[in-house]
């Protein structure tokens, strides 16, 4: 009997050594102050996205309530 083997894409595994290397390279390329700014901007973007998702649901509820009245 022949079995058909399917290729399964393996997720990228990053160990502690690779993680440290990436952090060091990011510090060298961007510098500590730039990385702090990027982190802050990323946090603001994620927060705005989450608020947008919550607001979208609120708008739907409000429009449904107006349609009922």
PDB file of N, CA and C in Angstrom:
ATOM      1  N   UNK A   1       0.828  -1.177   0.000  1.00  0.00           N
ATOM      2  CA  UNK A   1       0.000   0.000   0.000  1.00  0.00           C
ATOM      3  C   UNK A   1       0.877   1.246   0.000  1.00  0.00           C
ATOM      4  N   UNK A   2       0.478   2.177  -0.796  1.00  0.00           N
ATOM      5  CA  UNK A   2       1.198   3.445  -0.862  1.00  0.00           C
ATOM      6  C   UNK A   2       0.419   4.502  -0.098  1.00  0.00           C
ATOM      7  N   UNK A   3       1.130   5.242   0.701  1.00  0.00           N
ATOM      8  CA  UNK A   3       0.500   6.331   1.429  1.00  0.00           C
ATOM      9  C   UNK A   3       0.929   7.645   0.804  1.00  0.00           C
ATOM     10  N   UNK A   4      -0.001   8.518   0.662  1.00  0.00           N
ATOM     11  CA  UNK A   4       0.283   9.845   0.116  1.00  0.00           C
ATOM     12  C   UNK A   4       0.651  10.757   1.277  1.00  0.00           C
ATOM     13  N   UNK A   5       1.865  11.243   1.253  1.00  0.00           N
ATOM     14  CA  UNK A   5       2.300  12.142   2.321  1.00  0.00           C
ATOM     15  C   UNK A   5       2.084  13.583   1.879  1.00  0.00           C
ATOM     16  N   UNK A   6       1.356  14.300   2.679  1.00  0.00           N
ATOM     17  CA  UNK A   6       1.118  15.707   2.399  1.00  0.00           C
ATOM     18  C   UNK A   6       2.142  16.536   3.150  1.00  0.00           C
ATOM     19  N   UNK A   7       2.624  17.559   2.490  1.00  0.00           N
ATOM     20  CA  UNK A   7       3.560  18.460   3.164  1.00  0.00           C
ATOM     21  C   UNK A   7       2.762  19.408   4.044  1.00  0.00           C
ATOM     22  N   UNK A   8       3.161  19.469   5.271  1.00  0.00           N
ATOM     23  CA  UNK A   8       2.496  20.352   6.223  1.00  0.00           C
ATOM     24  C   UNK A   8       3.468  21.470   6.561  1.00  0.00           C
ATOM     25  N   UNK A   9       2.996  22.699   6.417  1.00  0.00           N
ATOM     26  CA  UNK A   9       3.844  23.846   6.726  1.00  0.00           C
ATOM     27  C   UNK A   9       4.038  23.920   8.238  1.00  0.00           C
ATOM     28  N   UNK A  10       5.267  23.888   8.654  1.00  0.00           N
ATOM     29  CA  UNK A  10       5.580  23.968  10.076  1.00  0.00           C
ATOM     30  C   UNK A  10       5.664  25.433  10.487  1.00  0.00           C
ATOM     31  N   UNK A  11       5.116  25.758  11.638  1.00  0.00           N
ATOM     32  CA  UNK A  11       5.250  27.136  12.113  1.00  0.00           C
ATOM     33  C   UNK A  11       6.711  27.426  12.451  1.00  0.00           C
ATOM     34  N   UNK A  12       7.077  28.656  12.311  1.00  0.00           N
ATOM     35  CA  UNK A  12       8.453  29.054  12.602  1.00  0.00           C
ATOM     36  C   UNK A  12       8.650  29.000  14.108  1.00  0.00           C
ATOM     37  N   UNK A  13       9.658  28.292  14.510  1.00  0.00           N
ATOM     38  CA  UNK A  13       9.976  28.191  15.932  1.00  0.00           C
ATOM     39  C   UNK A  13      11.198  29.043  16.214  1.00  0.00           C
ATOM     40  N   UNK A  14      11.040  29.967  17.126  1.00  0.00           N
ATOM     41  CA  UNK A  14      12.138  30.849  17.502  1.00  0.00           C
ATOM     42  C   UNK A  14      12.548  30.499  18.922  1.00  0.00           C
ATOM     43  N   UNK A  15      13.785  30.079  19.057  1.00  0.00           N
ATOM     44  CA  UNK A  15      14.302  29.732  20.374  1.00  0.00           C
ATOM     45  C   UNK A  15      14.844  30.956  21.089  1.00  0.00           C
ATOM     46  N   UNK A  16      15.323  30.783  22.301  1.00  0.00           N
ATOM     47  CA  UNK A  16      15.838  31.917  23.072  1.00  0.00           C
ATOM     48  C   UNK A  16      17.053  32.571  22.418  1.00  0.00           C
ATOM     49  N   UNK A  17      17.912  31.780  21.792  1.00  0.00           N
ATOM     50  CA  UNK A  17      19.087  32.344  21.125  1.00  0.00           C
ATOM     51  C   UNK A  17      18.708  33.240  19.959  1.00  0.00           C
ATOM     52  N   UNK A  18      17.761  32.769  19.151  1.00  0.00           N
ATOM     53  CA  UNK A  18      17.311  33.570  18.012  1.00  0.00           C
ATOM     54  C   UNK A  18      16.600  34.831  18.463  1.00  0.00           C
ATOM     55  N   UNK A  19      15.831  34.712  19.541  1.00  0.00           N
ATOM     56  CA  UNK A  19      15.114  35.869  20.072  1.00  0.00           C
ATOM     57  C   UNK A  19      16.084  36.940  20.560  1.00  0.00           C
ATOM     58  N   UNK A  20      17.112  36.528  21.275  1.00  0.00           N
ATOM     59  CA  UNK A  20      18.128  37.474  21.749  1.00  0.00           C
ATOM     60  C   UNK A  20      18.836  38.133  20.569  1.00  0.00           C
ATOM     61  N   UNK A  21      19.147  37.351  19.543  1.00  0.00           N
ATOM     62  CA  UNK A  21      19.801  37.898  18.355  1.00  0.00           C
ATOM     63  C   UNK A  21      18.919  38.940  17.674  1.00  0.00           C
ATOM     64  N   UNK A  22      17.617  38.656  17.563  1.00  0.00           N
ATOM     65  CA  UNK A  22      16.700  39.612  16.946  1.00  0.00           C
ATOM     66  C   UNK A  22      16.614  40.907  17.752  1.00  0.00           C
ATOM     67  N   UNK A  23      16.585  40.793  19.071  1.00  0.00           N
ATOM     68  CA  UNK A  23      16.516  41.986  19.925  1.00  0.00           C
ATOM     69  C   UNK A  23      17.776  42.819  19.786  1.00  0.00           C
ATOM     70  N   UNK A  24      18.929  42.165  19.781  1.00  0.00           N
ATOM     71  CA  UNK A  24      20.203  42.887  19.632  1.00  0.00           C
ATOM     72  C   UNK A  24      20.265  43.583  18.280  1.00  0.00           C
ATOM     73  N   UNK A  25      19.868  42.889  17.219  1.00  0.00           N
ATOM     74  CA  UNK A  25      19.872  43.514  15.885  1.00  0.00           C
ATOM     75  C   UNK A  25      18.920  44.702  15.818  1.00  0.00           C
ATOM     76  N   UNK A  26      17.745  44.568  16.437  1.00  0.00           N
ATOM     77  CA  UNK A  26      16.799  45.686  16.450  1.00  0.00           C
ATOM     78  C   UNK A  26      17.378  46.874  17.204  1.00  0.00           C
ATOM     79  N   UNK A  27      18.064  46.626  18.315  1.00  0.00           N
ATOM     80  CA  UNK A  27      18.692  47.716  19.065  1.00  0.00           C
ATOM     81  C   UNK A  27      19.784  48.389  18.250  1.00  0.00           C
ATOM     82  N   UNK A  28      20.555  47.608  17.519  1.00  0.00           N
ATOM     83  CA  UNK A  28      21.630  48.177  16.709  1.00  0.00           C
ATOM     84  C   UNK A  28      21.052  49.003  15.565  1.00  0.00           C
ATOM     85  N   UNK A  29      20.031  48.471  14.909  1.00  0.00           N
ATOM     86  CA  UNK A  29      19.470  49.152  13.734  1.00  0.00           C
ATOM     87  C   UNK A  29      18.674  50.394  14.127  1.00  0.00           C
ATOM     88  N   UNK A  30      17.774  50.260  15.109  1.00  0.00           N
ATOM     89  CA  UNK A  30      16.871  51.361  15.438  1.00  0.00           C
ATOM     90  C   UNK A  30      17.328  52.211  16.613  1.00  0.00           C
ATOM     91  N   UNK A  31      18.007  51.635  17.561  1.00  0.00           N
ATOM     92  CA  UNK A  31      18.383  52.367  18.766  1.00  0.00           C
ATOM     93  C   UNK A  31      17.280  52.266  19.802  1.00  0.00           C
ATOM     94  N   UNK A  32      17.641  52.424  21.079  1.00  0.00           N
ATOM     95  CA  UNK A  32      16.661  52.236  22.151  1.00  0.00           C
ATOM     96  C   UNK A  32      15.502  53.233  22.126  1.00  0.00           C
ATOM     97  N   UNK A  33      15.763  54.485  21.813  1.00  0.00           N
ATOM     98  CA  UNK A  33      14.671  55.470  21.843  1.00  0.00           C
ATOM     99  C   UNK A  33      13.687  55.219  20.704  1.00  0.00           C
ATOM    100  N   UNK A  34      14.205  54.847  19.550  1.00  0.00           N
ATOM    101  CA  UNK A  34      13.322  54.586  18.404  1.00  0.00           C
ATOM    102  C   UNK A  34      12.450  53.350  18.668  1.00  0.00           C
ATOM    103  N   UNK A  35      13.014  52.332  19.328  1.00  0.00           N
ATOM    104  CA  UNK A  35      12.243  51.134  19.637  1.00  0.00           C
ATOM    105  C   UNK A  35      11.127  51.471  20.631  1.00  0.00           C
ATOM    106  N   UNK A  36      11.404  52.339  21.592  1.00  0.00           N
ATOM    107  CA  UNK A  36      10.372  52.760  22.542  1.00  0.00           C
ATOM    108  C   UNK A  36       9.243  53.488  21.816  1.00  0.00           C
ATOM    109  N   UNK A  37       9.608  54.354  20.864  1.00  0.00           N
ATOM    110  CA  UNK A  37       8.595  55.066  20.079  1.00  0.00           C
ATOM    111  C   UNK A  37       7.758  54.091  19.257  1.00  0.00           C
ATOM    112  N   UNK A  38       8.416  53.127  18.634  1.00  0.00           N
ATOM    113  CA  UNK A  38       7.699  52.136  17.828  1.00  0.00           C
ATOM    114  C   UNK A  38       6.752  51.311  18.689  1.00  0.00           C
ATOM    115  N   UNK A  39       7.195  50.943  19.881  1.00  0.00           N
ATOM    116  CA  UNK A  39       6.337  50.192  20.796  1.00  0.00           C
ATOM    117  C   UNK A  39       5.117  50.984  21.208  1.00  0.00           C
ATOM    118  N   UNK A  40       5.312  52.269  21.480  1.00  0.00           N
ATOM    119  CA  UNK A  40       4.186  53.129  21.845  1.00  0.00           C
ATOM    120  C   UNK A  40       3.197  53.277  20.707  1.00  0.00           C
ATOM    121  N   UNK A  41       3.710  53.458  19.498  1.00  0.00           N
ATOM    122  CA  UNK A  41       2.842  53.587  18.335  1.00  0.00           C
ATOM    123  C   UNK A  41       2.081  52.291  18.065  1.00  0.00           C
ATOM    124  N   UNK A  42       2.763  51.166  18.252  1.00  0.00           N
ATOM    125  CA  UNK A  42       2.107  49.877  18.055  1.00  0.00           C
ATOM    126  C   UNK A  42       0.986  49.688  19.081  1.00  0.00           C
ATOM    127  N   UNK A  43       1.242  50.055  20.321  1.00  0.00           N
ATOM    128  CA  UNK A  43       0.219  49.949  21.362  1.00  0.00           C
ATOM    129  C   UNK A  43      -0.980  50.828  21.068  1.00  0.00           C
ATOM    130  N   UNK A  44      -0.730  52.059  20.609  1.00  0.00           N
ATOM    131  CA  UNK A  44      -1.829  52.963  20.262  1.00  0.00           C
ATOM    132  C   UNK A  44      -2.637  52.414  19.093  1.00  0.00           C
ATOM    133  N   UNK A  45      -1.949  51.834  18.116  1.00  0.00           N
ATOM    134  CA  UNK A  45      -2.638  51.264  16.963  1.00  0.00           C
ATOM    135  C   UNK A  45      -3.522  50.090  17.351  1.00  0.00           C
ATOM    136  N   UNK A  46      -3.011  49.223  18.209  1.00  0.00           N
ATOM    137  CA  UNK A  46      -3.790  48.067  18.662  1.00  0.00           C
ATOM    138  C   UNK A  46      -4.998  48.539  19.464  1.00  0.00           C
ATOM    139  N   UNK A  47      -4.789  49.528  20.329  1.00  0.00           N
ATOM    140  CA  UNK A  47      -5.886  50.064  21.143  1.00  0.00           C
ATOM    141  C   UNK A  47      -6.968  50.685  20.256  1.00  0.00           C
ATOM    142  N   UNK A  48      -6.549  51.448  19.245  1.00  0.00           N
ATOM    143  CA  UNK A  48      -7.515  52.075  18.339  1.00  0.00           C
ATOM    144  C   UNK A  48      -8.285  51.012  17.551  1.00  0.00           C
ATOM    145  N   UNK A  49      -7.590  49.957  17.156  1.00  0.00           N
ATOM    146  CA  UNK A  49      -8.246  48.872  16.427  1.00  0.00           C
ATOM    147  C   UNK A  49      -9.297  48.198  17.296  1.00  0.00           C
ATOM    148  N   UNK A  50      -8.953  47.927  18.549  1.00  0.00           N
ATOM    149  CA  UNK A  50      -9.900  47.285  19.461  1.00  0.00           C
ATOM    150  C   UNK A  50     -11.096  48.186  19.725  1.00  0.00           C
ATOM    151  N   UNK A  51     -10.848  49.479  19.887  1.00  0.00           N
ATOM    152  CA  UNK A  51     -11.957  50.413  20.104  1.00  0.00           C
ATOM    153  C   UNK A  51     -12.835  50.498  18.861  1.00  0.00           C
ATOM    154  N   UNK A  52     -12.219  50.407  17.698  1.00  0.00           N
ATOM    155  CA  UNK A  52     -12.988  50.420  16.456  1.00  0.00           C
ATOM    156  C   UNK A  52     -13.883  49.201  16.349  1.00  0.00           C
ATOM    157  N   UNK A  53     -13.372  48.051  16.767  1.00  0.00           N
ATOM    158  CA  UNK A  53     -14.192  46.842  16.743  1.00  0.00           C
ATOM    159  C   UNK A  53     -15.351  46.963  17.715  1.00  0.00           C
ATOM    160  N   UNK A  54     -15.088  47.494  18.902  1.00  0.00           N
ATOM    161  CA  UNK A  54     -16.151  47.665  19.889  1.00  0.00           C
ATOM    162  C   UNK A  54     -17.154  48.706  19.410  1.00  0.00           C
ATOM    163  N   UNK A  55     -16.677  49.781  18.833  1.00  0.00           N
ATOM    164  CA  UNK A  55     -17.552  50.842  18.354  1.00  0.00           C
ATOM    165  C   UNK A  55     -18.414  50.388  17.204  1.00  0.00           C
ATOM    166  N   UNK A  56     -17.874  49.516  16.365  1.00  0.00           N
ATOM    167  CA  UNK A  56     -18.640  49.004  15.234  1.00  0.00           C
ATOM    168  C   UNK A  56     -19.837  48.215  15.720  1.00  0.00           C
ATOM    169  N   UNK A  57     -19.651  47.424  16.749  1.00  0.00           N
ATOM    170  CA  UNK A  57     -20.755  46.661  17.326  1.00  0.00           C
ATOM    171  C   UNK A  57     -21.776  47.573  17.977  1.00  0.00           C
ATOM    172  N   UNK A  58     -21.309  48.633  18.641  1.00  0.00           N
ATOM    173  CA  UNK A  58     -22.208  49.585  19.282  1.00  0.00           C
ATOM    174  C   UNK A  58     -23.058  50.314  18.254  1.00  0.00           C
ATOM    175  N   UNK A  59     -22.447  50.664  17.117  1.00  0.00           N
ATOM    176  CA  UNK A  59     -23.195  51.354  16.070  1.00  0.00           C
ATOM    177  C   UNK A  59     -24.279  50.453  15.500  1.00  0.00           C
ATOM    178  N   UNK A  60     -23.988  49.167  15.345  1.00  0.00           N
ATOM    179  CA  UNK A  60     -24.990  48.233  14.828  1.00  0.00           C
ATOM    180  C   UNK A  60     -26.158  48.126  15.801  1.00  0.00           C
ATOM    181  N   UNK A  61     -25.858  48.034  17.104  1.00  0.00           N
ATOM    182  CA  UNK A  61     -26.908  47.929  18.110  1.00  0.00           C
ATOM    183  C   UNK A  61     -27.760  49.192  18.114  1.00  0.00           C
ATOM    184  N   UNK A  62     -27.118  50.350  18.010  1.00  0.00           N
ATOM    185  CA  UNK A  62     -27.850  51.613  18.033  1.00  0.00           C
ATOM    186  C   UNK A  62     -28.761  51.721  16.807  1.00  0.00           C
ATOM    187  N   UNK A  63     -28.270  51.325  15.646  1.00  0.00           N
ATOM    188  CA  UNK A  63     -29.086  51.414  14.437  1.00  0.00           C
ATOM    189  C   UNK A  63     -30.246  50.410  14.489  1.00  0.00           C
ATOM    190  N   UNK A  64     -30.028  49.235  15.102  1.00  0.00           N
ATOM    191  CA  UNK A  64     -31.108  48.264  15.245  1.00  0.00           C
ATOM    192  C   UNK A  64     -32.174  48.772  16.206  1.00  0.00           C
ATOM    193  N   UNK A  65     -31.742  49.441  17.291  1.00  0.00           N
ATOM    194  CA  UNK A  65     -32.694  49.984  18.253  1.00  0.00           C
ATOM    195  C   UNK A  65     -33.518  51.108  17.625  1.00  0.00           C
ATOM    196  N   UNK A  66     -32.892  51.942  16.789  1.00  0.00           N
ATOM    197  CA  UNK A  66     -33.610  53.031  16.125  1.00  0.00           C
ATOM    198  C   UNK A  66     -34.609  52.463  15.134  1.00  0.00           C
ATOM    199  N   UNK A  67     -34.255  51.361  14.470  1.00  0.00           N
ATOM    200  CA  UNK A  67     -35.153  50.764  13.499  1.00  0.00           C
ATOM    201  C   UNK A  67     -36.385  50.167  14.172  1.00  0.00           C
ATOM    202  N   UNK A  68     -36.227  49.684  15.402  1.00  0.00           N
ATOM    203  CA  UNK A  68     -37.331  49.091  16.134  1.00  0.00           C
ATOM    204  C   UNK A  68     -38.348  50.152  16.569  1.00  0.00           C
ATOM    205  N   UNK A  69     -37.886  51.368  16.853  1.00  0.00           N
ATOM    206  CA  UNK A  69     -38.778  52.411  17.369  1.00  0.00           C
ATOM    207  C   UNK A  69     -39.412  53.117  16.239  1.00  0.00           C
TER     208      UNK A  69
END
